[in-house]
């Protein structure tokens, strides 16, 4: 009986370790490796499970009409930060520090960056006023988002229009 309790506890601990989130640096380095191999840039998105704007951005990027545009040019990597209560375990260790490194610590969520495979920042989610675009939704925000995407990767007029149509909330 004593040994079965030890085995159960050990199994639970191993399961817990296996379920732990990857370190943010590991997530980013995997994205850099994939981006370099595919001659793409990295779209790094900091988000949280409670963030409705994060969910909206991810949904908009994963739609059948937009996903091929993003997949063609970017390796998208998500880092979980700023979780609350019992969801803290969803965070990627080192995620908040990584977000702080890129000056997004107080920006709000989602916060995103476009990096080349060497790790150089090509664009971030700050607008001209220094405010976080997050998940762009107004015509002005979406125009800025498209310009930043285009700065990091050539978008056709048709692709820009598709992104605009999906992201602008009427």
C-alpha atoms as a PDB file:
ATOM      1  CA  UNK A   1       0.000   0.000   0.000  1.00  0.00           C
ATOM      2  CA  UNK A   2       2.823   2.369   0.929  1.00  0.00           C
ATOM      3  CA  UNK A   3       4.606   1.813  -2.387  1.00  0.00           C
ATOM      4  CA  UNK A   4       1.468   2.382  -4.449  1.00  0.00           C
ATOM      5  CA  UNK A   5       1.031   5.823  -2.805  1.00  0.00           C
ATOM      6  CA  UNK A   6       4.651   6.675  -3.610  1.00  0.00           C
ATOM      7  CA  UNK A   7       4.159   5.573  -7.217  1.00  0.00           C
ATOM      8  CA  UNK A   8       0.983   7.665  -7.512  1.00  0.00           C
ATOM      9  CA  UNK A   9       2.689  10.759  -6.083  1.00  0.00           C
ATOM     10  CA  UNK A  10       5.733  10.278  -8.324  1.00  0.00           C
ATOM     11  CA  UNK A  11       3.486   9.842 -11.385  1.00  0.00           C
ATOM     12  CA  UNK A  12       1.568  13.012 -10.552  1.00  0.00           C
ATOM     13  CA  UNK A  13       4.790  14.982 -10.140  1.00  0.00           C
ATOM     14  CA  UNK A  14       6.134  13.724 -13.461  1.00  0.00           C
ATOM     15  CA  UNK A  15       2.841  14.551 -15.160  1.00  0.00           C
ATOM     16  CA  UNK A  16       2.964  18.042 -13.679  1.00  0.00           C
ATOM     17  CA  UNK A  17       6.513  18.555 -14.952  1.00  0.00           C
ATOM     18  CA  UNK A  18       5.542  17.290 -18.389  1.00  0.00           C
ATOM     19  CA  UNK A  19       2.586  19.670 -18.530  1.00  0.00           C
ATOM     20  CA  UNK A  20       4.681  22.726 -17.665  1.00  0.00           C
ATOM     21  CA  UNK A  21       4.899  25.410 -20.322  1.00  0.00           C
ATOM     22  CA  UNK A  22       8.062  25.792 -22.342  1.00  0.00           C
ATOM     23  CA  UNK A  23      10.449  28.536 -21.397  1.00  0.00           C
ATOM     24  CA  UNK A  24       9.786  31.672 -23.491  1.00  0.00           C
ATOM     25  CA  UNK A  25      13.360  31.622 -24.822  1.00  0.00           C
ATOM     26  CA  UNK A  26      12.839  28.064 -26.066  1.00  0.00           C
ATOM     27  CA  UNK A  27       9.620  29.104 -27.854  1.00  0.00           C
ATOM     28  CA  UNK A  28      11.400  32.038 -29.469  1.00  0.00           C
ATOM     29  CA  UNK A  29      14.503  30.052 -30.470  1.00  0.00           C
ATOM     30  CA  UNK A  30      12.348  27.364 -32.106  1.00  0.00           C
ATOM     31  CA  UNK A  31      10.573  30.113 -34.044  1.00  0.00           C
ATOM     32  CA  UNK A  32      13.925  31.620 -35.126  1.00  0.00           C
ATOM     33  CA  UNK A  33      15.148  28.221 -36.336  1.00  0.00           C
ATOM     34  CA  UNK A  34      11.961  27.616 -38.320  1.00  0.00           C
ATOM     35  CA  UNK A  35      11.991  31.175 -39.703  1.00  0.00           C
ATOM     36  CA  UNK A  36      15.585  30.899 -40.856  1.00  0.00           C
ATOM     37  CA  UNK A  37      14.899  27.575 -42.588  1.00  0.00           C
ATOM     38  CA  UNK A  38      11.773  28.954 -44.271  1.00  0.00           C
ATOM     39  CA  UNK A  39      13.237  32.391 -45.084  1.00  0.00           C
ATOM     40  CA  UNK A  40      10.513  34.056 -43.012  1.00  0.00           C
ATOM     41  CA  UNK A  41      10.267  36.465 -40.121  1.00  0.00           C
ATOM     42  CA  UNK A  42       8.860  35.746 -36.670  1.00  0.00           C
ATOM     43  CA  UNK A  43       5.594  37.237 -35.480  1.00  0.00           C
ATOM     44  CA  UNK A  44       5.890  36.986 -31.701  1.00  0.00           C
ATOM     45  CA  UNK A  45       2.608  37.496 -29.869  1.00  0.00           C
ATOM     46  CA  UNK A  46       2.345  37.901 -26.100  1.00  0.00           C
ATOM     47  CA  UNK A  47      -1.114  36.927 -24.890  1.00  0.00           C
ATOM     48  CA  UNK A  48      -3.169  35.503 -22.011  1.00  0.00           C
ATOM     49  CA  UNK A  49      -6.123  33.132 -21.688  1.00  0.00           C
ATOM     50  CA  UNK A  50      -8.385  35.821 -20.187  1.00  0.00           C
ATOM     51  CA  UNK A  51      -7.681  38.415 -22.906  1.00  0.00           C
ATOM     52  CA  UNK A  52     -10.596  38.773 -25.345  1.00  0.00           C
ATOM     53  CA  UNK A  53      -8.511  40.942 -27.699  1.00  0.00           C
ATOM     54  CA  UNK A  54      -5.813  38.250 -27.765  1.00  0.00           C
ATOM     55  CA  UNK A  55      -8.412  35.668 -28.743  1.00  0.00           C
ATOM     56  CA  UNK A  56      -9.787  37.984 -31.418  1.00  0.00           C
ATOM     57  CA  UNK A  57      -6.356  38.562 -32.931  1.00  0.00           C
ATOM     58  CA  UNK A  58      -5.562  34.853 -32.984  1.00  0.00           C
ATOM     59  CA  UNK A  59      -8.975  34.087 -34.511  1.00  0.00           C
ATOM     60  CA  UNK A  60      -8.510  36.775 -37.192  1.00  0.00           C
ATOM     61  CA  UNK A  61      -5.059  35.460 -38.071  1.00  0.00           C
ATOM     62  CA  UNK A  62      -6.315  31.849 -38.270  1.00  0.00           C
ATOM     63  CA  UNK A  63      -9.272  32.412 -40.609  1.00  0.00           C
ATOM     64  CA  UNK A  64      -9.147  30.538 -43.941  1.00  0.00           C
ATOM     65  CA  UNK A  65      -8.642  33.807 -45.834  1.00  0.00           C
ATOM     66  CA  UNK A  66      -5.865  35.219 -43.620  1.00  0.00           C
ATOM     67  CA  UNK A  67      -3.966  32.173 -42.350  1.00  0.00           C
ATOM     68  CA  UNK A  68      -2.214  31.535 -45.703  1.00  0.00           C
ATOM     69  CA  UNK A  69      -1.058  35.174 -45.799  1.00  0.00           C
ATOM     70  CA  UNK A  70       0.499  34.995 -42.340  1.00  0.00           C
ATOM     71  CA  UNK A  71       1.878  31.459 -42.820  1.00  0.00           C
ATOM     72  CA  UNK A  72       3.553  32.422 -46.112  1.00  0.00           C
ATOM     73  CA  UNK A  73       5.598  35.193 -44.487  1.00  0.00           C
ATOM     74  CA  UNK A  74       5.797  34.569 -40.771  1.00  0.00           C
ATOM     75  CA  UNK A  75       6.438  31.922 -38.178  1.00  0.00           C
ATOM     76  CA  UNK A  76       3.949  32.867 -35.494  1.00  0.00           C
ATOM     77  CA  UNK A  77       4.969  32.156 -31.909  1.00  0.00           C
ATOM     78  CA  UNK A  78       2.784  32.741 -28.856  1.00  0.00           C
ATOM     79  CA  UNK A  79       4.070  33.416 -25.359  1.00  0.00           C
ATOM     80  CA  UNK A  80       1.621  33.309 -22.462  1.00  0.00           C
ATOM     81  CA  UNK A  81       2.050  36.076 -19.868  1.00  0.00           C
ATOM     82  CA  UNK A  82       0.088  37.898 -17.161  1.00  0.00           C
ATOM     83  CA  UNK A  83      -2.179  34.988 -16.282  1.00  0.00           C
ATOM     84  CA  UNK A  84      -4.261  35.191 -13.133  1.00  0.00           C
ATOM     85  CA  UNK A  85      -4.994  32.894 -10.203  1.00  0.00           C
ATOM     86  CA  UNK A  86      -5.155  29.212 -11.049  1.00  0.00           C
ATOM     87  CA  UNK A  87      -4.204  29.958 -14.679  1.00  0.00           C
ATOM     88  CA  UNK A  88      -0.681  31.106 -13.666  1.00  0.00           C
ATOM     89  CA  UNK A  89       0.615  27.685 -14.730  1.00  0.00           C
ATOM     90  CA  UNK A  90      -0.255  28.559 -18.347  1.00  0.00           C
ATOM     91  CA  UNK A  91       2.468  31.201 -18.440  1.00  0.00           C
ATOM     92  CA  UNK A  92       5.674  30.515 -20.293  1.00  0.00           C
ATOM     93  CA  UNK A  93       8.511  30.906 -17.769  1.00  0.00           C
ATOM     94  CA  UNK A  94      10.528  33.980 -18.686  1.00  0.00           C
ATOM     95  CA  UNK A  95       7.693  35.335 -20.828  1.00  0.00           C
ATOM     96  CA  UNK A  96       7.134  38.527 -18.881  1.00  0.00           C
ATOM     97  CA  UNK A  97      10.873  39.199 -18.802  1.00  0.00           C
ATOM     98  CA  UNK A  98      10.998  38.725 -22.580  1.00  0.00           C
ATOM     99  CA  UNK A  99       8.057  41.084 -23.019  1.00  0.00           C
ATOM    100  CA  UNK A 100       9.783  43.633 -20.762  1.00  0.00           C
ATOM    101  CA  UNK A 101      12.984  43.304 -22.812  1.00  0.00           C
ATOM    102  CA  UNK A 102      11.061  44.484 -25.863  1.00  0.00           C
ATOM    103  CA  UNK A 103       9.510  47.395 -23.910  1.00  0.00           C
ATOM    104  CA  UNK A 104       6.074  45.780 -23.773  1.00  0.00           C
ATOM    105  CA  UNK A 105       5.859  45.291 -20.009  1.00  0.00           C
ATOM    106  CA  UNK A 106       3.198  47.962 -19.527  1.00  0.00           C
ATOM    107  CA  UNK A 107       1.753  47.894 -23.045  1.00  0.00           C
ATOM    108  CA  UNK A 108      -1.233  45.653 -22.413  1.00  0.00           C
ATOM    109  CA  UNK A 109      -2.199  42.557 -24.354  1.00  0.00           C
ATOM    110  CA  UNK A 110      -1.858  41.378 -26.968  1.00  0.00           C
ATOM    111  CA  UNK A 111       1.589  42.806 -27.525  1.00  0.00           C
ATOM    112  CA  UNK A 112       3.397  41.699 -30.665  1.00  0.00           C
ATOM    113  CA  UNK A 113       6.689  42.064 -32.471  1.00  0.00           C
ATOM    114  CA  UNK A 114       8.022  41.154 -35.875  1.00  0.00           C
ATOM    115  CA  UNK A 115      11.597  39.900 -35.664  1.00  0.00           C
ATOM    116  CA  UNK A 116      13.958  38.676 -38.330  1.00  0.00           C
ATOM    117  CA  UNK A 117      15.603  35.263 -37.780  1.00  0.00           C
ATOM    118  CA  UNK A 118      18.607  37.021 -36.193  1.00  0.00           C
ATOM    119  CA  UNK A 119      16.330  38.478 -33.515  1.00  0.00           C
ATOM    120  CA  UNK A 120      16.354  42.051 -34.777  1.00  0.00           C
ATOM    121  CA  UNK A 121      13.076  43.935 -34.297  1.00  0.00           C
ATOM    122  CA  UNK A 122      11.529  44.888 -37.633  1.00  0.00           C
ATOM    123  CA  UNK A 123       8.262  46.201 -36.170  1.00  0.00           C
ATOM    124  CA  UNK A 124       6.325  46.270 -32.920  1.00  0.00           C
ATOM    125  CA  UNK A 125       2.733  46.893 -31.904  1.00  0.00           C
ATOM    126  CA  UNK A 126       3.256  50.514 -30.874  1.00  0.00           C
ATOM    127  CA  UNK A 127       1.597  53.174 -33.017  1.00  0.00           C
ATOM    128  CA  UNK A 128       3.060  56.619 -33.763  1.00  0.00           C
ATOM    129  CA  UNK A 129       1.778  57.884 -30.379  1.00  0.00           C
ATOM    130  CA  UNK A 130       3.545  55.060 -28.542  1.00  0.00           C
ATOM    131  CA  UNK A 131       0.272  53.252 -27.750  1.00  0.00           C
ATOM    132  CA  UNK A 132      -0.135  49.511 -28.176  1.00  0.00           C
ATOM    133  CA  UNK A 133      -2.262  48.576 -31.185  1.00  0.00           C
ATOM    134  CA  UNK A 134      -2.931  45.190 -29.589  1.00  0.00           C
ATOM    135  CA  UNK A 135      -5.432  43.461 -31.821  1.00  0.00           C
ATOM    136  CA  UNK A 136      -6.121  46.218 -34.322  1.00  0.00           C
ATOM    137  CA  UNK A 137      -9.802  46.879 -34.975  1.00  0.00           C
ATOM    138  CA  UNK A 138     -10.348  50.479 -36.112  1.00  0.00           C
ATOM    139  CA  UNK A 139      -9.541  51.480 -39.697  1.00  0.00           C
ATOM    140  CA  UNK A 140      -6.573  53.535 -38.440  1.00  0.00           C
ATOM    141  CA  UNK A 141      -5.193  50.728 -36.273  1.00  0.00           C
ATOM    142  CA  UNK A 142      -5.565  48.181 -39.057  1.00  0.00           C
ATOM    143  CA  UNK A 143      -3.855  50.500 -41.545  1.00  0.00           C
ATOM    144  CA  UNK A 144      -0.914  50.841 -39.142  1.00  0.00           C
ATOM    145  CA  UNK A 145      -0.862  47.058 -38.616  1.00  0.00           C
ATOM    146  CA  UNK A 146      -0.826  46.425 -42.376  1.00  0.00           C
ATOM    147  CA  UNK A 147       1.955  48.986 -42.839  1.00  0.00           C
ATOM    148  CA  UNK A 148       4.036  47.238 -40.170  1.00  0.00           C
ATOM    149  CA  UNK A 149       3.389  43.824 -41.729  1.00  0.00           C
ATOM    150  CA  UNK A 150       4.336  45.261 -45.117  1.00  0.00           C
ATOM    151  CA  UNK A 151       7.526  46.786 -43.714  1.00  0.00           C
ATOM    152  CA  UNK A 152       8.624  43.330 -42.569  1.00  0.00           C
ATOM    153  CA  UNK A 153       7.328  41.442 -45.595  1.00  0.00           C
ATOM    154  CA  UNK A 154       5.979  42.461 -48.968  1.00  0.00           C
ATOM    155  CA  UNK A 155       2.178  42.256 -48.940  1.00  0.00           C
ATOM    156  CA  UNK A 156       0.246  42.499 -52.177  1.00  0.00           C
ATOM    157  CA  UNK A 157      -2.643  44.958 -52.417  1.00  0.00           C
ATOM    158  CA  UNK A 158      -5.036  42.013 -52.430  1.00  0.00           C
ATOM    159  CA  UNK A 159      -3.510  40.564 -49.243  1.00  0.00           C
ATOM    160  CA  UNK A 160      -3.643  43.960 -47.532  1.00  0.00           C
ATOM    161  CA  UNK A 161      -7.313  44.279 -48.456  1.00  0.00           C
ATOM    162  CA  UNK A 162      -8.087  40.817 -47.070  1.00  0.00           C
ATOM    163  CA  UNK A 163      -6.395  41.657 -43.774  1.00  0.00           C
ATOM    164  CA  UNK A 164      -8.213  44.985 -43.642  1.00  0.00           C
ATOM    165  CA  UNK A 165     -11.593  43.372 -44.327  1.00  0.00           C
ATOM    166  CA  UNK A 166     -11.078  40.768 -41.583  1.00  0.00           C
ATOM    167  CA  UNK A 167      -9.564  42.979 -38.879  1.00  0.00           C
ATOM    168  CA  UNK A 168     -11.642  46.185 -39.172  1.00  0.00           C
ATOM    169  CA  UNK A 169     -14.657  45.869 -36.899  1.00  0.00           C
ATOM    170  CA  UNK A 170     -17.752  47.560 -38.219  1.00  0.00           C
END
